[in-house]
Each structure stands twice: as structure tokens, then as C-alpha cells.
Amino acid sequence: MKTIVHKSDTRGFANHGWLKSYHTFSFASYQNAARNNFGMLRVLNDDVVQPKMGFGTHPHKNMEIISIPLKGALSHKDSMGNKRAIEVGEVQVMSAGTGLNHSEFNDSKTDEVNFLQLWIIPEQMGVTPRYEQRKFDAKHQKNKLQTVVAPKDKLEGDALPINQQAYIYRTDLDNGHSITVFLKERNNGLYIFVVEGKILVSGNILNDRDAIGISDAQNILVLAQEDTKLIIVEVPMT
């Protein structure tokens, strides 16, 4: 088993006034040769957008982009004609493929928006762009894994499809509860991000916004040291 721990205070940080962004991996002005990716997981940004502010229209190409709101609602508009808000409890996926443009905006006059955005390198380039979002019932992540994203050819339940052999799980663990994650493929690794709470995993204590990447393992035991919310990403390592 191989592990790499990313403590919250080692992340890159950019303060643009209207946007505060924490970068787990190299992104924009934060460049760290030791933190370019974890397998096919290329970006994990923890963004806070101020009221009545947002990202103007900008392009993406050949990347699987997953957005997960943690607080507030983010309005989305893209060149495929999609226009709607994404709220807490929902997950949004975009396969950028041959290329698309989109914008994200906080319509609230008073409240910040906090959301995670993940980029996963696709297994096939140049696919037709697509967009989908879905609300997930929180009761199905209580002390168990809820699959919210899965490969388009291996969908599970209500999971949203992406163009990669990768999975994203959410779980809310009660204090003292443990959960075992069984990896789908031998070549896959597991990246565990603590949204809030405290866990013990592979001999490491992780707190709010800490993360750990684990590879060369078939299953991983996670023990909650207090009530905890996790995002768990399983990705091919090569």
C-alpha cells in the first residue's frame, strides 16, 4: 500500500476578492511539481464565491468536470443550451470533449457559495460534449457509500456518467462508525477528502479539508472519530 497525505494547510490558495480558491493540485498560479495529480484526478478546487459574483464564460476541452455544492446555489449556463442552478445535494457533471463554453454565477445578494470542482482526465478524447446534474437523497449516504458518479459503461443506480473508469462516492459517517471501501479495479487508487469531521485511515488522522491518496490496495477501512462528511474518488492511476 502507498499513501500520500495532503493536509488542508498545504493546499495552494488564491484570493481574487470575489473568489477564494484552495487548490489541492497544481492549478492556475499555484504550481507544485509534487502535486500535479493523483492518477487521473487532475484538479480538486475548494471555491468560495461572493454574492452576485461568478466565473464569466470560459472554455473547456477534453476533461470530465464534476461540481459539488457544499453551501448555497450556483447558476450554470453553457454553450449546449443548458441553464439552471445547482444546489446543495446535487452533483453536476460535464464531459467537455471536443469543447464547450460555460459560466458559473452566485445569484444570491447576501450569501456565499462554496463548492468543490473536480477534473478527471478522460479515457477517450474528442467525445461529444454532454451535461447532466442530479439531486441525491442524503439518507442513502448515511453510514454507507452513495455512488454519485460512475463510468458511462458501468453505471450504478442513479450515478451520473463520465468518460473514465472512475467513481465518486459520498458518505456521512456517525462518530465511531467505520466503512470499508472495496476498489473496483486493481489499478485504481482512492482519494479521500474530508469535507468536515475527523477520520482514521491507514494510520493517519485527517481533519476538515485534509485528504489522503491511497494506491496499491484492494480495500480501505475508514473510521470516523466524530461525525464526518467525505468525498471519495476512485480513479485509475495510469
Protein backbone atom coordinates (compact mmCIF):
# COMPACT_ATOMS: atom_id res chain seq x y z
CA MET A 1 0.00 0.00 0.00
CA LYS A 2 1.19 3.50 -0.89
CA THR A 3 -0.21 6.62 0.78
CA ILE A 4 0.19 10.34 0.36
CA VAL A 5 -1.35 12.81 2.83
CA HIS A 6 -2.39 16.30 1.76
CA LYS A 7 -3.14 18.44 4.82
CA SER A 8 -5.54 21.32 4.30
CA ASP A 9 -2.95 23.98 5.11
CA THR A 10 -0.61 22.72 2.37
CA ARG A 11 -3.05 23.48 -0.43
CA GLY A 12 -2.48 26.32 -2.86
CA PHE A 13 -4.58 29.43 -2.22
CA ALA A 14 -5.71 32.32 -4.37
CA ASN A 15 -7.73 35.31 -3.14
CA HIS A 16 -9.30 37.21 -6.02
CA GLY A 17 -11.66 39.18 -3.79
CA TRP A 18 -14.82 37.83 -5.39
CA LEU A 19 -13.35 34.29 -5.24
CA LYS A 20 -11.30 32.46 -2.64
CA SER A 21 -9.96 29.21 -4.06
CA TYR A 22 -7.99 26.40 -2.43
CA HIS A 23 -6.13 24.13 -4.85
CA THR A 24 -5.26 20.56 -3.84
CA PHE A 25 -3.34 20.11 -7.10
CA SER A 26 -1.42 22.50 -9.37
CA PHE A 27 -3.86 24.99 -10.85
CA ALA A 28 -3.54 28.47 -12.39
CA SER A 29 -0.92 30.44 -10.42
CA TYR A 30 -0.36 27.57 -7.94
CA GLN A 31 2.20 25.23 -9.47
CA ASN A 32 3.73 22.40 -7.45
CA ALA A 33 5.57 19.66 -9.32
CA ALA A 34 4.86 17.23 -6.46
CA ARG A 35 1.13 17.97 -6.59
CA ASN A 36 0.13 17.76 -10.28
CA ASN A 37 -2.44 14.99 -9.91
CA PHE A 38 -3.44 11.76 -8.20
CA GLY A 39 -3.74 9.26 -11.03
CA MET A 40 -6.46 10.52 -13.36
CA LEU A 41 -7.69 13.04 -10.76
CA ARG A 42 -6.22 16.28 -12.07
CA VAL A 43 -8.00 19.06 -10.12
CA LEU A 44 -9.77 19.37 -6.77
CA ASN A 45 -10.63 23.01 -6.09
CA ASP A 46 -12.47 24.21 -2.99
CA ASP A 47 -14.06 27.51 -4.09
CA VAL A 48 -15.93 30.24 -2.21
CA VAL A 49 -17.77 32.72 -4.47
CA GLN A 50 -19.02 36.02 -3.08
CA PRO A 51 -22.65 37.19 -3.54
CA LYS A 52 -23.57 38.45 -7.03
CA MET A 53 -20.21 37.31 -8.42
CA GLY A 54 -19.03 34.39 -10.52
CA PHE A 55 -16.97 32.93 -13.34
CA GLY A 56 -17.59 34.56 -16.72
CA THR A 57 -17.98 32.46 -19.86
CA HIS A 58 -14.85 30.39 -20.44
CA PRO A 59 -13.90 27.30 -22.48
CA HIS A 60 -13.08 23.71 -21.55
CA LYS A 61 -11.95 20.79 -23.69
CA ASN A 62 -11.29 17.08 -23.10
CA MET A 63 -11.89 16.98 -19.36
CA GLU A 64 -14.52 15.41 -17.11
CA ILE A 65 -15.68 18.24 -14.81
CA ILE A 66 -17.67 17.49 -11.65
CA SER A 67 -19.14 20.21 -9.42
CA ILE A 68 -20.45 19.52 -5.91
CA PRO A 69 -22.04 22.43 -3.97
CA LEU A 70 -21.45 22.44 -0.21
CA LYS A 71 -23.22 25.73 0.58
CA GLY A 72 -25.55 27.92 -1.47
CA ALA A 73 -26.57 27.61 -5.12
CA LEU A 74 -24.54 28.19 -8.27
CA SER A 75 -26.18 29.19 -11.55
CA HIS A 76 -24.85 27.41 -14.63
CA LYS A 77 -25.10 28.37 -18.29
CA ASP A 78 -23.32 26.69 -21.22
CA SER A 79 -22.97 26.64 -24.99
CA MET A 80 -25.10 23.47 -25.20
CA GLY A 81 -28.15 25.46 -24.13
CA ASN A 82 -28.25 24.33 -20.50
CA LYS A 83 -29.23 26.99 -17.98
CA ARG A 84 -30.09 26.10 -14.39
CA ALA A 85 -28.88 26.35 -10.80
CA ILE A 86 -27.05 23.59 -8.99
CA GLU A 87 -27.82 23.35 -5.27
CA VAL A 88 -26.62 21.53 -2.17
CA GLY A 89 -27.44 17.83 -2.50
CA GLU A 90 -26.94 17.91 -6.26
CA VAL A 91 -23.96 16.86 -8.37
CA GLN A 92 -23.20 18.20 -11.83
CA VAL A 93 -21.06 16.54 -14.50
CA MET A 94 -19.80 17.90 -17.81
CA SER A 95 -17.85 15.93 -20.38
CA ALA A 96 -16.10 18.77 -22.19
CA GLY A 97 -14.93 16.55 -25.05
CA THR A 98 -14.46 18.46 -28.32
CA GLY A 99 -15.10 21.72 -26.49
CA LEU A 100 -17.72 23.84 -24.73
CA ASN A 101 -18.12 27.22 -23.04
CA HIS A 102 -19.83 27.78 -19.71
CA SER A 103 -20.27 30.26 -16.87
CA GLU A 104 -21.00 29.88 -13.14
CA PHE A 105 -22.56 32.61 -11.01
CA ASN A 106 -23.73 33.18 -7.45
CA ASP A 107 -27.13 34.86 -7.81
CA SER A 108 -27.58 35.44 -4.07
CA LYS A 109 -27.39 39.04 -2.88
CA THR A 110 -26.25 38.03 0.62
CA ASP A 111 -24.84 34.50 0.81
CA GLU A 112 -21.55 32.97 -0.30
CA VAL A 113 -21.43 29.82 -2.41
CA ASN A 114 -18.95 27.09 -1.52
CA PHE A 115 -18.45 24.25 -3.98
CA LEU A 116 -15.92 21.62 -4.93
CA GLN A 117 -14.87 21.26 -8.54
CA LEU A 118 -13.04 18.14 -9.68
CA TRP A 119 -11.42 17.49 -13.04
CA ILE A 120 -10.80 13.92 -14.13
CA ILE A 121 -8.72 13.15 -17.21
CA PRO A 122 -10.96 11.23 -19.69
CA GLU A 123 -10.18 7.81 -21.11
CA GLN A 124 -11.19 8.94 -24.60
CA MET A 125 -10.51 12.33 -26.18
CA GLY A 126 -12.75 14.21 -28.57
CA VAL A 127 -16.11 12.88 -27.43
CA THR A 128 -19.34 14.80 -27.96
CA PRO A 129 -19.79 17.24 -25.05
CA ARG A 130 -22.55 16.42 -22.59
CA TYR A 131 -24.03 17.81 -19.37
CA GLU A 132 -26.15 16.35 -16.59
CA GLN A 133 -26.97 17.04 -12.96
CA ARG A 134 -28.99 15.19 -10.35
CA LYS A 135 -30.14 15.53 -6.76
CA PHE A 136 -29.14 12.69 -4.46
CA ASP A 137 -31.06 11.68 -1.35
CA ALA A 138 -28.80 12.21 1.67
CA LYS A 139 -30.34 9.28 3.51
CA HIS A 140 -28.56 6.92 1.11
CA GLN A 141 -25.14 8.20 2.19
CA LYS A 142 -25.76 7.79 5.92
CA ASN A 143 -23.03 5.42 7.16
CA LYS A 144 -22.68 3.90 3.69
CA LEU A 145 -21.26 4.79 0.31
CA GLN A 146 -23.51 6.55 -2.18
CA THR A 147 -22.20 6.37 -5.73
CA VAL A 148 -22.83 9.74 -7.41
CA VAL A 149 -20.51 9.38 -10.44
CA ALA A 150 -19.52 6.23 -12.34
CA PRO A 151 -18.14 5.18 -15.75
CA LYS A 152 -20.71 5.63 -18.51
CA ASP A 153 -20.46 1.90 -19.34
CA LYS A 154 -20.75 0.73 -15.70
CA LEU A 155 -23.44 2.91 -14.17
CA GLU A 156 -24.71 2.11 -10.68
CA GLY A 157 -28.17 3.22 -9.53
CA ASP A 158 -28.66 6.95 -10.07
CA ALA A 159 -24.95 7.69 -10.62
CA LEU A 160 -24.06 10.29 -13.23
CA PRO A 161 -21.93 9.04 -16.15
CA ILE A 162 -18.42 10.19 -17.03
CA ASN A 163 -15.95 9.25 -19.74
CA GLN A 164 -13.44 7.47 -17.46
CA GLN A 165 -13.24 4.32 -15.33
CA ALA A 166 -13.65 6.42 -12.20
CA TYR A 167 -16.16 6.66 -9.38
CA ILE A 168 -17.12 9.36 -6.89
CA TYR A 169 -18.78 8.42 -3.61
CA ARG A 170 -20.29 10.48 -0.81
CA THR A 171 -20.78 9.31 2.75
CA ASP A 172 -21.87 10.82 6.07
CA LEU A 173 -20.37 8.81 8.92
CA ASP A 174 -21.55 8.97 12.51
CA ASN A 175 -18.91 9.19 15.22
CA GLY A 176 -17.41 5.73 15.79
CA HIS A 177 -18.81 4.26 12.58
CA SER A 178 -16.46 2.55 10.14
CA ILE A 179 -16.81 1.82 6.45
CA THR A 180 -14.71 -0.32 4.10
CA VAL A 181 -14.20 0.80 0.51
CA PHE A 182 -13.51 -2.02 -1.93
CA LEU A 183 -11.75 -0.80 -5.06
CA LYS A 184 -13.31 -1.75 -8.39
CA GLU A 185 -10.06 -2.36 -10.25
CA ARG A 186 -6.55 -3.40 -9.20
CA ASN A 187 -5.01 -0.40 -10.99
CA ASN A 188 -7.28 2.11 -9.25
CA GLY A 189 -6.36 4.36 -6.36
CA LEU A 190 -8.55 6.03 -3.76
CA TYR A 191 -8.52 9.72 -2.87
CA ILE A 192 -10.41 10.55 0.33
CA PHE A 193 -11.30 14.21 1.01
CA VAL A 194 -12.67 15.22 4.40
CA VAL A 195 -15.36 17.83 3.84
CA GLU A 196 -15.82 18.14 7.59
CA GLY A 197 -15.10 15.93 10.58
CA LYS A 198 -12.28 13.62 11.60
CA ILE A 199 -11.26 10.13 10.42
CA LEU A 200 -8.63 7.50 10.99
CA VAL A 201 -7.43 5.81 7.79
CA SER A 202 -4.26 3.78 7.17
CA GLY A 203 -2.78 5.03 10.45
CA ASN A 204 -3.41 8.70 9.64
CA ILE A 205 -5.71 11.13 11.42
CA LEU A 206 -7.40 13.53 8.98
CA ASN A 207 -9.48 16.58 9.82
CA ASP A 208 -11.55 19.17 7.93
CA ARG A 209 -10.34 19.57 4.32
CA ASP A 210 -7.45 17.11 4.77
CA ALA A 211 -7.07 14.37 2.18
CA ILE A 212 -5.23 11.13 1.57
CA GLY A 213 -4.40 9.29 -1.62
CA ILE A 214 -4.03 5.51 -1.40
CA SER A 215 -2.82 3.14 -4.12
CA ASP A 216 -1.71 -0.48 -4.38
CA ALA A 217 -4.55 -1.60 -2.11
CA GLN A 218 -7.69 -3.67 -2.64
CA ASN A 219 -9.77 -2.26 0.21
CA ILE A 220 -9.53 0.61 2.68
CA LEU A 221 -11.04 0.90 6.16
CA VAL A 222 -12.19 4.36 7.25
CA LEU A 223 -13.13 5.03 10.89
CA ALA A 224 -14.95 8.21 11.90
CA GLN A 225 -13.55 9.90 15.02
CA GLU A 226 -16.51 12.30 15.05
CA ASP A 227 -19.48 12.97 12.77
CA THR A 228 -17.88 13.27 9.33
CA LYS A 229 -18.71 14.05 5.70
CA LEU A 230 -16.46 12.60 2.99
CA ILE A 231 -15.99 12.79 -0.76
CA ILE A 232 -14.19 9.67 -2.01
CA VAL A 233 -12.78 9.48 -5.54
CA GLU A 234 -11.67 6.20 -7.12
CA VAL A 235 -9.57 6.70 -10.25
CA PRO A 236 -7.20 4.72 -12.48
CA MET A 237 -3.62 5.51 -11.51
CA THR A 238 -2.35 5.26 -15.11
